Each structure stands twice: as C-alpha cells, then as structure tokens.
N, C-alpha and C. Protein backbone atom coordinates (compact mmCIF):
# COMPACT_ATOMS: atom_id res chain seq x y z
N MET A 1 -0.70 21.58 -5.39
CA MET A 1 -0.31 22.15 -4.11
C MET A 1 1.19 22.40 -4.13
N SER A 2 1.57 23.59 -3.73
CA SER A 2 2.99 23.91 -3.74
C SER A 2 3.50 24.08 -2.31
N PHE A 3 4.77 23.90 -2.15
CA PHE A 3 5.42 24.05 -0.85
C PHE A 3 5.87 25.49 -0.71
N ASP A 4 5.43 26.15 0.36
CA ASP A 4 5.77 27.56 0.55
C ASP A 4 7.10 27.78 1.25
N GLY A 5 7.77 26.71 1.64
CA GLY A 5 9.08 26.83 2.26
C GLY A 5 9.07 26.79 3.76
N TYR A 6 7.88 26.94 4.38
CA TYR A 6 7.82 26.92 5.84
C TYR A 6 7.77 25.48 6.32
N GLY A 7 8.53 25.19 7.36
CA GLY A 7 8.51 23.85 7.92
C GLY A 7 9.36 23.75 9.15
N GLU A 8 9.48 22.54 9.64
CA GLU A 8 10.36 22.30 10.76
C GLU A 8 10.92 20.89 10.66
N CYS A 9 12.09 20.73 11.24
CA CYS A 9 12.72 19.42 11.22
C CYS A 9 13.58 19.26 12.47
N PHE A 10 13.77 18.02 12.82
CA PHE A 10 14.65 17.70 13.94
C PHE A 10 16.06 17.47 13.40
N VAL A 11 17.05 17.83 14.21
CA VAL A 11 18.44 17.60 13.86
C VAL A 11 19.09 16.87 15.03
N GLU A 12 19.48 15.63 14.79
CA GLU A 12 20.14 14.83 15.83
C GLU A 12 21.57 15.32 15.96
N THR A 13 21.99 15.64 17.19
CA THR A 13 23.32 16.19 17.40
C THR A 13 24.25 15.26 18.16
N GLY A 14 23.77 14.12 18.59
CA GLY A 14 24.59 13.15 19.32
C GLY A 14 24.43 13.26 20.82
N ASN A 15 24.97 12.29 21.54
CA ASN A 15 24.86 12.26 23.00
C ASN A 15 23.43 12.37 23.49
N MET A 16 22.50 11.69 22.79
CA MET A 16 21.07 11.72 23.12
C MET A 16 20.52 13.15 23.17
N ARG A 17 20.97 13.96 22.23
CA ARG A 17 20.47 15.33 22.14
C ARG A 17 20.07 15.61 20.69
N ALA A 18 19.07 16.45 20.57
CA ALA A 18 18.63 16.89 19.25
C ALA A 18 18.16 18.33 19.38
N ASP A 19 18.08 19.00 18.25
CA ASP A 19 17.47 20.31 18.24
C ASP A 19 16.47 20.34 17.10
N SER A 20 15.73 21.42 17.00
CA SER A 20 14.77 21.51 15.91
C SER A 20 14.95 22.86 15.23
N ALA A 21 14.72 22.85 13.95
CA ALA A 21 14.80 24.07 13.14
C ALA A 21 13.40 24.36 12.63
N VAL A 22 12.94 25.59 12.81
CA VAL A 22 11.59 25.99 12.42
C VAL A 22 11.68 27.30 11.66
N GLY A 23 11.00 27.37 10.53
CA GLY A 23 10.97 28.63 9.81
C GLY A 23 10.75 28.47 8.33
N ASP A 24 11.08 29.52 7.60
CA ASP A 24 10.92 29.56 6.15
C ASP A 24 12.26 29.19 5.51
N PHE A 25 12.33 27.96 5.06
CA PHE A 25 13.57 27.44 4.49
C PHE A 25 13.88 28.02 3.11
N TYR A 26 12.87 28.61 2.45
CA TYR A 26 13.07 29.18 1.12
C TYR A 26 13.11 30.70 1.12
N ALA A 27 13.21 31.32 2.29
CA ALA A 27 13.23 32.79 2.36
C ALA A 27 14.44 33.32 1.58
N GLU A 28 14.27 34.49 1.01
CA GLU A 28 15.35 35.16 0.26
C GLU A 28 15.82 36.37 1.04
N PRO A 29 17.04 36.69 1.07
CA PRO A 29 18.16 36.07 0.36
C PRO A 29 18.72 34.85 1.09
N VAL A 30 18.34 34.66 2.36
CA VAL A 30 18.80 33.47 3.10
C VAL A 30 17.61 32.89 3.87
N PRO A 31 17.64 31.62 4.19
CA PRO A 31 16.55 31.03 4.96
C PRO A 31 16.36 31.74 6.30
N ASN A 32 15.11 31.88 6.71
CA ASN A 32 14.77 32.50 7.99
C ASN A 32 14.34 31.37 8.93
N VAL A 33 15.31 30.79 9.62
CA VAL A 33 15.06 29.59 10.42
C VAL A 33 15.60 29.81 11.83
N ALA A 34 14.78 29.47 12.81
CA ALA A 34 15.20 29.52 14.21
C ALA A 34 15.60 28.11 14.63
N VAL A 35 16.75 28.01 15.28
CA VAL A 35 17.24 26.70 15.74
C VAL A 35 17.31 26.73 17.25
N ARG A 36 16.71 25.73 17.88
CA ARG A 36 16.74 25.65 19.34
C ARG A 36 18.04 25.03 19.82
N GLN A 37 18.31 25.20 21.11
CA GLN A 37 19.47 24.56 21.73
C GLN A 37 19.25 23.04 21.75
N PRO A 38 20.28 22.26 21.45
CA PRO A 38 20.14 20.81 21.56
C PRO A 38 19.80 20.42 23.00
N SER A 39 18.90 19.45 23.14
CA SER A 39 18.51 19.00 24.47
C SER A 39 18.06 17.55 24.43
N ILE A 40 18.04 16.94 25.59
CA ILE A 40 17.55 15.57 25.70
C ILE A 40 16.05 15.55 25.41
N ALA A 41 15.32 16.58 25.87
CA ALA A 41 13.88 16.65 25.61
C ALA A 41 13.59 16.66 24.11
N GLU A 42 14.36 17.44 23.34
CA GLU A 42 14.17 17.45 21.88
C GLU A 42 14.49 16.09 21.27
N HIS A 43 15.50 15.41 21.81
CA HIS A 43 15.84 14.07 21.33
C HIS A 43 14.64 13.14 21.49
N PHE A 44 14.03 13.16 22.68
CA PHE A 44 12.89 12.27 22.91
C PHE A 44 11.66 12.71 22.11
N ALA A 45 11.51 14.01 21.87
CA ALA A 45 10.43 14.47 20.99
C ALA A 45 10.64 13.92 19.59
N LYS A 46 11.89 13.92 19.13
CA LYS A 46 12.21 13.36 17.81
C LYS A 46 11.92 11.87 17.77
N VAL A 47 12.30 11.15 18.82
CA VAL A 47 12.05 9.71 18.89
C VAL A 47 10.54 9.44 18.84
N LEU A 48 9.76 10.17 19.63
CA LEU A 48 8.31 9.97 19.63
C LEU A 48 7.71 10.31 18.27
N PHE A 49 8.18 11.38 17.64
CA PHE A 49 7.70 11.75 16.32
C PHE A 49 8.01 10.64 15.31
N ASP A 50 9.25 10.14 15.33
CA ASP A 50 9.64 9.06 14.41
C ASP A 50 8.78 7.82 14.63
N GLU A 51 8.52 7.47 15.89
CA GLU A 51 7.70 6.29 16.19
C GLU A 51 6.27 6.49 15.71
N ALA A 52 5.73 7.69 15.90
CA ALA A 52 4.36 7.96 15.47
C ALA A 52 4.24 7.87 13.95
N VAL A 53 5.22 8.42 13.25
CA VAL A 53 5.20 8.35 11.78
C VAL A 53 5.32 6.91 11.32
N ALA A 54 6.23 6.16 11.91
CA ALA A 54 6.41 4.76 11.52
C ALA A 54 5.14 3.96 11.81
N ALA A 55 4.52 4.18 12.95
CA ALA A 55 3.30 3.45 13.30
C ALA A 55 2.17 3.79 12.33
N SER A 56 2.04 5.07 11.96
CA SER A 56 0.97 5.43 11.03
C SER A 56 1.21 4.84 9.65
N LEU A 57 2.47 4.75 9.23
CA LEU A 57 2.76 4.14 7.93
C LEU A 57 2.45 2.65 7.94
N VAL A 58 2.81 1.98 9.03
CA VAL A 58 2.53 0.54 9.14
C VAL A 58 1.03 0.30 9.19
N LEU A 59 0.30 1.10 9.99
CA LEU A 59 -1.15 0.94 10.10
C LEU A 59 -1.81 1.22 8.77
N ASN A 60 -1.40 2.28 8.10
CA ASN A 60 -1.98 2.61 6.80
C ASN A 60 -1.73 1.49 5.80
N ASP A 61 -0.53 0.94 5.80
CA ASP A 61 -0.21 -0.16 4.89
C ASP A 61 -1.07 -1.38 5.21
N ALA A 62 -1.24 -1.68 6.50
CA ALA A 62 -2.04 -2.85 6.88
C ALA A 62 -3.50 -2.67 6.48
N LEU A 63 -4.02 -1.45 6.61
CA LEU A 63 -5.42 -1.21 6.24
C LEU A 63 -5.62 -1.18 4.74
N MET A 64 -4.64 -0.63 4.01
CA MET A 64 -4.79 -0.53 2.57
C MET A 64 -4.45 -1.83 1.84
N ASN A 65 -3.61 -2.66 2.44
CA ASN A 65 -3.18 -3.91 1.82
C ASN A 65 -3.30 -5.06 2.82
N PRO A 66 -4.52 -5.36 3.26
CA PRO A 66 -4.68 -6.32 4.35
C PRO A 66 -4.23 -7.74 4.03
N THR A 67 -4.30 -8.16 2.80
CA THR A 67 -3.96 -9.55 2.51
C THR A 67 -2.53 -9.72 2.04
N ARG A 68 -1.83 -8.64 1.84
CA ARG A 68 -0.46 -8.74 1.32
C ARG A 68 0.46 -9.48 2.28
N ARG A 69 0.20 -9.38 3.56
CA ARG A 69 1.05 -10.03 4.54
C ARG A 69 0.77 -11.53 4.66
N GLY A 70 -0.27 -12.00 3.98
CA GLY A 70 -0.59 -13.42 4.04
C GLY A 70 -1.25 -13.84 5.34
N ASP A 71 -1.76 -12.89 6.10
CA ASP A 71 -2.40 -13.19 7.37
C ASP A 71 -3.89 -13.40 7.12
N GLU A 72 -4.37 -14.61 7.30
CA GLU A 72 -5.74 -14.96 6.97
C GLU A 72 -6.77 -14.21 7.81
N ARG A 73 -6.45 -13.83 9.02
CA ARG A 73 -7.45 -13.17 9.84
C ARG A 73 -7.85 -11.82 9.27
N TRP A 74 -6.97 -11.17 8.47
CA TRP A 74 -7.36 -9.92 7.84
C TRP A 74 -8.48 -10.15 6.83
N ARG A 75 -8.47 -11.28 6.19
CA ARG A 75 -9.50 -11.57 5.18
C ARG A 75 -10.88 -11.73 5.81
N ARG A 76 -10.92 -12.11 7.08
CA ARG A 76 -12.20 -12.30 7.76
C ARG A 76 -12.65 -11.05 8.48
N HIS A 77 -11.85 -10.01 8.47
CA HIS A 77 -12.18 -8.78 9.18
C HIS A 77 -13.36 -8.11 8.49
N PRO A 78 -14.40 -7.67 9.24
CA PRO A 78 -15.60 -7.11 8.62
C PRO A 78 -15.38 -5.79 7.88
N CYS A 79 -14.28 -5.11 8.18
CA CYS A 79 -14.03 -3.81 7.52
C CYS A 79 -13.28 -3.95 6.21
N VAL A 80 -12.88 -5.15 5.87
CA VAL A 80 -12.07 -5.34 4.66
C VAL A 80 -12.96 -5.76 3.52
C-alpha cells in the first residue's frame, strides 16, 4: 500500500488555538493544501482527536497484551 500524498493534520498555533491543513501534500510542483483559520474549535477538535487516538492505542494494547500489565483479572476474562 502506498501513500498518495493526500491527508490532513492539525497545527497547534498557541493561545488554545489550532488550525488544520487538508490536501495533497505531495502535489507537484508544490503541495496543494488548504489551511483553515486558527480557532478554539479546531484546538478542541485536535484535543478530542488526540484523546481518541491515545484511548484506542491503550485499548488495543490491553486487548492484545492482557497479561503484560500483571493484572490477574485479565487472565480470568472469557475473551482472553
């Protein structure tokens, strides 16, 4: 699977503001990216996105490696 260059990312700008860049980052001769105005709403969207990603990584780790944390109740879980 190859990356076609299209994507989006958040850019933290300070003062509880962020913006997002969306577009083709590999376009030639220059990237074709639209950048929104920094806003508090974008900042909180970034925070929620970061929290969701972190939570999914922690949950995935807990499900894939249930006994690594040394918590005995995972060993008795019927799905493990």
